[in-house]
Amino acid sequence: MAEQTAAQSELATLVVTSLNLEDTQPGQIDPDAPLFGGDLGLDSIDALEIALAVSKRYGFQLRSDNPDNKRIFTSLRTLSEHIEQHRAS
């Protein structure tokens, strides 16, 4: 498993807390593992919850009509990279 960066660790904590993933520790989430259809068992409702949590935390919207969502939500790493590029400073 790859090491999480500080930004990925912060995002992993946000995902675990916003989705109430009681059996998952943020540090257990592999940055390159699929967020959906993988070990976490996340679904489209979880994607909406993550998008809401991200907008509250980082100050920008993850829009449901973004054609890049499949890529953005591929893994913790891709989601974190997208946030780093768009977050309000």
N, C-alpha and C. Protein backbone atom coordinates (compact mmCIF):
# COMPACT_ATOMS: atom_id res chain seq x y z
N MET A 1 0.84 -1.19 0.00
CA MET A 1 0.00 0.00 0.00
C MET A 1 0.88 1.25 0.00
N ALA A 2 0.51 2.22 -0.80
CA ALA A 2 1.26 3.47 -0.87
C ALA A 2 1.01 4.31 0.38
N GLU A 3 1.99 5.13 0.73
CA GLU A 3 1.84 6.04 1.87
C GLU A 3 0.89 7.17 1.49
N GLN A 4 0.08 7.58 2.44
CA GLN A 4 -0.80 8.74 2.22
C GLN A 4 0.00 10.02 2.44
N THR A 5 -0.25 11.01 1.59
CA THR A 5 0.30 12.33 1.84
C THR A 5 -0.53 12.98 2.94
N ALA A 6 -0.09 14.13 3.43
CA ALA A 6 -0.84 14.84 4.46
C ALA A 6 -2.24 15.20 3.95
N ALA A 7 -2.32 15.65 2.69
CA ALA A 7 -3.62 16.02 2.11
C ALA A 7 -4.52 14.79 1.97
N GLN A 8 -3.95 13.66 1.57
CA GLN A 8 -4.73 12.44 1.43
C GLN A 8 -5.21 11.95 2.78
N SER A 9 -4.37 12.07 3.79
CA SER A 9 -4.75 11.66 5.14
C SER A 9 -5.91 12.50 5.67
N GLU A 10 -5.83 13.80 5.43
CA GLU A 10 -6.91 14.71 5.84
C GLU A 10 -8.21 14.34 5.12
N LEU A 11 -8.11 14.06 3.82
CA LEU A 11 -9.28 13.69 3.04
C LEU A 11 -9.83 12.33 3.48
N ALA A 12 -8.95 11.38 3.77
CA ALA A 12 -9.38 10.06 4.23
C ALA A 12 -10.17 10.19 5.53
N THR A 13 -9.70 11.05 6.43
CA THR A 13 -10.40 11.29 7.69
C THR A 13 -11.77 11.90 7.41
N LEU A 14 -11.85 12.84 6.48
CA LEU A 14 -13.12 13.46 6.11
C LEU A 14 -14.09 12.42 5.55
N VAL A 15 -13.60 11.54 4.69
CA VAL A 15 -14.44 10.49 4.09
C VAL A 15 -14.96 9.55 5.18
N VAL A 16 -14.07 9.09 6.05
CA VAL A 16 -14.47 8.14 7.11
C VAL A 16 -15.50 8.77 8.05
N THR A 17 -15.27 10.02 8.44
CA THR A 17 -16.20 10.65 9.39
C THR A 17 -17.52 11.03 8.72
N SER A 18 -17.48 11.54 7.49
CA SER A 18 -18.72 11.97 6.84
C SER A 18 -19.60 10.78 6.45
N LEU A 19 -18.99 9.62 6.22
CA LEU A 19 -19.76 8.43 5.84
C LEU A 19 -19.97 7.47 7.02
N ASN A 20 -19.47 7.85 8.20
CA ASN A 20 -19.59 7.00 9.39
C ASN A 20 -19.09 5.59 9.12
N LEU A 21 -17.90 5.48 8.55
CA LEU A 21 -17.30 4.17 8.26
C LEU A 21 -16.63 3.66 9.53
N GLU A 22 -17.43 3.09 10.41
CA GLU A 22 -16.96 2.72 11.75
C GLU A 22 -15.87 1.65 11.73
N ASP A 23 -15.86 0.80 10.73
CA ASP A 23 -14.89 -0.29 10.68
C ASP A 23 -13.63 0.06 9.89
N THR A 24 -13.52 1.33 9.48
CA THR A 24 -12.39 1.75 8.66
C THR A 24 -11.61 2.86 9.34
N GLN A 25 -10.31 2.68 9.43
CA GLN A 25 -9.43 3.75 9.92
C GLN A 25 -8.95 4.54 8.71
N PRO A 26 -8.89 5.88 8.80
CA PRO A 26 -8.44 6.67 7.65
C PRO A 26 -7.10 6.22 7.09
N GLY A 27 -6.18 5.81 7.95
CA GLY A 27 -4.87 5.36 7.50
C GLY A 27 -4.89 4.04 6.75
N GLN A 28 -6.01 3.32 6.82
CA GLN A 28 -6.13 2.03 6.12
C GLN A 28 -6.52 2.20 4.65
N ILE A 29 -6.92 3.40 4.26
CA ILE A 29 -7.38 3.61 2.89
C ILE A 29 -6.17 3.79 1.98
N ASP A 30 -5.99 2.86 1.07
CA ASP A 30 -4.90 2.94 0.10
C ASP A 30 -5.20 4.08 -0.87
N PRO A 31 -4.27 5.03 -1.03
CA PRO A 31 -4.52 6.17 -1.92
C PRO A 31 -4.82 5.77 -3.35
N ASP A 32 -4.35 4.60 -3.78
CA ASP A 32 -4.55 4.18 -5.16
C ASP A 32 -5.66 3.16 -5.34
N ALA A 33 -6.29 2.74 -4.24
CA ALA A 33 -7.37 1.75 -4.34
C ALA A 33 -8.65 2.45 -4.83
N PRO A 34 -9.49 1.73 -5.56
CA PRO A 34 -10.74 2.33 -6.03
C PRO A 34 -11.62 2.73 -4.85
N LEU A 35 -12.20 3.94 -4.92
CA LEU A 35 -13.13 4.37 -3.87
C LEU A 35 -14.45 3.62 -4.00
N PHE A 36 -14.84 3.33 -5.23
CA PHE A 36 -16.14 2.68 -5.47
C PHE A 36 -15.92 1.31 -6.06
N GLY A 37 -16.69 0.34 -5.59
CA GLY A 37 -16.56 -1.02 -6.07
C GLY A 37 -15.37 -1.75 -5.49
N GLY A 38 -14.67 -1.13 -4.56
CA GLY A 38 -13.51 -1.77 -3.94
C GLY A 38 -13.82 -2.17 -2.51
N ASP A 39 -12.79 -2.18 -1.69
CA ASP A 39 -12.92 -2.63 -0.30
C ASP A 39 -13.84 -1.75 0.53
N LEU A 40 -13.94 -0.47 0.20
CA LEU A 40 -14.78 0.43 1.00
C LEU A 40 -16.27 0.21 0.75
N GLY A 41 -16.61 -0.32 -0.42
CA GLY A 41 -18.00 -0.60 -0.74
C GLY A 41 -18.85 0.65 -0.87
N LEU A 42 -18.29 1.73 -1.36
CA LEU A 42 -19.02 2.98 -1.50
C LEU A 42 -19.91 2.94 -2.73
N ASP A 43 -20.99 3.74 -2.68
CA ASP A 43 -21.92 3.82 -3.81
C ASP A 43 -22.19 5.27 -4.18
N SER A 44 -23.13 5.50 -5.09
CA SER A 44 -23.38 6.85 -5.58
C SER A 44 -23.90 7.79 -4.49
N ILE A 45 -24.64 7.27 -3.53
CA ILE A 45 -25.10 8.09 -2.41
C ILE A 45 -23.89 8.56 -1.60
N ASP A 46 -22.92 7.67 -1.41
CA ASP A 46 -21.70 8.04 -0.70
C ASP A 46 -20.94 9.14 -1.46
N ALA A 47 -20.96 9.08 -2.79
CA ALA A 47 -20.30 10.11 -3.60
C ALA A 47 -20.93 11.47 -3.32
N LEU A 48 -22.25 11.51 -3.19
CA LEU A 48 -22.93 12.77 -2.88
C LEU A 48 -22.53 13.27 -1.50
N GLU A 49 -22.44 12.36 -0.54
CA GLU A 49 -22.03 12.73 0.83
C GLU A 49 -20.60 13.28 0.82
N ILE A 50 -19.72 12.62 0.08
CA ILE A 50 -18.34 13.08 -0.01
C ILE A 50 -18.29 14.47 -0.65
N ALA A 51 -19.05 14.65 -1.73
CA ALA A 51 -19.06 15.95 -2.42
C ALA A 51 -19.54 17.05 -1.48
N LEU A 52 -20.56 16.77 -0.67
CA LEU A 52 -21.07 17.75 0.28
C LEU A 52 -20.02 18.07 1.34
N ALA A 53 -19.39 17.05 1.87
CA ALA A 53 -18.36 17.25 2.89
C ALA A 53 -17.17 18.04 2.33
N VAL A 54 -16.79 17.74 1.09
CA VAL A 54 -15.68 18.45 0.45
C VAL A 54 -16.03 19.92 0.26
N SER A 55 -17.27 20.21 -0.18
CA SER A 55 -17.64 21.60 -0.41
C SER A 55 -17.65 22.39 0.90
N LYS A 56 -18.09 21.76 1.98
CA LYS A 56 -18.08 22.44 3.28
C LYS A 56 -16.65 22.65 3.77
N ARG A 57 -15.80 21.66 3.59
CA ARG A 57 -14.45 21.70 4.15
C ARG A 57 -13.50 22.55 3.30
N TYR A 58 -13.60 22.43 1.99
CA TYR A 58 -12.59 23.04 1.11
C TYR A 58 -13.10 24.24 0.33
N GLY A 59 -14.39 24.55 0.41
CA GLY A 59 -14.91 25.78 -0.18
C GLY A 59 -15.12 25.78 -1.68
N PHE A 60 -15.33 24.62 -2.28
CA PHE A 60 -15.71 24.59 -3.70
C PHE A 60 -16.61 23.39 -3.94
N GLN A 61 -17.39 23.47 -5.01
CA GLN A 61 -18.38 22.45 -5.31
C GLN A 61 -17.80 21.35 -6.20
N LEU A 62 -18.10 20.10 -5.84
CA LEU A 62 -17.89 18.97 -6.76
C LEU A 62 -19.24 18.76 -7.41
N ARG A 63 -19.36 19.14 -8.65
CA ARG A 63 -20.65 19.14 -9.33
C ARG A 63 -20.99 17.75 -9.90
N SER A 64 -22.25 17.37 -9.74
CA SER A 64 -22.67 16.04 -10.22
C SER A 64 -22.66 15.95 -11.75
N ASP A 65 -22.70 17.09 -12.42
CA ASP A 65 -22.71 17.08 -13.89
C ASP A 65 -21.31 17.23 -14.51
N ASN A 66 -20.27 17.14 -13.67
CA ASN A 66 -18.91 17.25 -14.18
C ASN A 66 -18.55 15.97 -14.94
N PRO A 67 -18.21 16.09 -16.22
CA PRO A 67 -17.90 14.87 -17.00
C PRO A 67 -16.64 14.14 -16.50
N ASP A 68 -15.83 14.82 -15.68
CA ASP A 68 -14.61 14.20 -15.16
C ASP A 68 -14.82 13.46 -13.84
N ASN A 69 -16.06 13.39 -13.35
CA ASN A 69 -16.29 12.78 -12.03
C ASN A 69 -15.77 11.36 -11.91
N LYS A 70 -15.91 10.59 -12.97
CA LYS A 70 -15.42 9.20 -12.91
C LYS A 70 -13.93 9.18 -12.60
N ARG A 71 -13.19 10.08 -13.24
CA ARG A 71 -11.75 10.18 -12.99
C ARG A 71 -11.48 10.78 -11.61
N ILE A 72 -12.19 11.85 -11.26
CA ILE A 72 -11.97 12.54 -9.98
C ILE A 72 -12.18 11.58 -8.81
N PHE A 73 -13.24 10.79 -8.87
CA PHE A 73 -13.59 9.88 -7.78
C PHE A 73 -12.98 8.48 -7.92
N THR A 74 -11.97 8.33 -8.78
CA THR A 74 -11.35 7.02 -8.97
C THR A 74 -10.75 6.50 -7.67
N SER A 75 -9.98 7.34 -7.00
CA SER A 75 -9.26 6.90 -5.79
C SER A 75 -9.06 8.09 -4.86
N LEU A 76 -8.59 7.80 -3.68
CA LEU A 76 -8.27 8.86 -2.73
C LEU A 76 -7.24 9.82 -3.35
N ARG A 77 -6.27 9.27 -4.07
CA ARG A 77 -5.23 10.09 -4.69
C ARG A 77 -5.83 11.05 -5.72
N THR A 78 -6.68 10.57 -6.61
CA THR A 78 -7.23 11.43 -7.66
C THR A 78 -8.17 12.49 -7.07
N LEU A 79 -8.93 12.11 -6.07
CA LEU A 79 -9.83 13.07 -5.42
C LEU A 79 -9.01 14.13 -4.69
N SER A 80 -7.98 13.72 -4.00
CA SER A 80 -7.11 14.65 -3.28
C SER A 80 -6.43 15.62 -4.25
N GLU A 81 -5.94 15.11 -5.36
CA GLU A 81 -5.29 15.97 -6.36
C GLU A 81 -6.27 17.00 -6.91
N HIS A 82 -7.50 16.58 -7.16
CA HIS A 82 -8.52 17.50 -7.68
C HIS A 82 -8.81 18.59 -6.63
N ILE A 83 -8.92 18.21 -5.39
CA ILE A 83 -9.17 19.17 -4.32
C ILE A 83 -8.01 20.18 -4.23
N GLU A 84 -6.78 19.68 -4.28
CA GLU A 84 -5.62 20.56 -4.17
C GLU A 84 -5.61 21.59 -5.31
N GLN A 85 -6.09 21.21 -6.48
CA GLN A 85 -6.10 22.12 -7.62
C GLN A 85 -7.21 23.17 -7.51
N HIS A 86 -8.29 22.86 -6.77
CA HIS A 86 -9.47 23.73 -6.80
C HIS A 86 -9.86 24.36 -5.48
N ARG A 87 -9.26 23.96 -4.40
CA ARG A 87 -9.69 24.43 -3.09
C ARG A 87 -9.50 25.94 -2.94
N ALA A 88 -10.37 26.53 -2.15
CA ALA A 88 -10.25 27.96 -1.84
C ALA A 88 -9.08 28.15 -0.89
N SER A 89 -8.25 29.13 -1.18
CA SER A 89 -7.08 29.32 -0.32
C SER A 89 -7.37 30.19 0.88
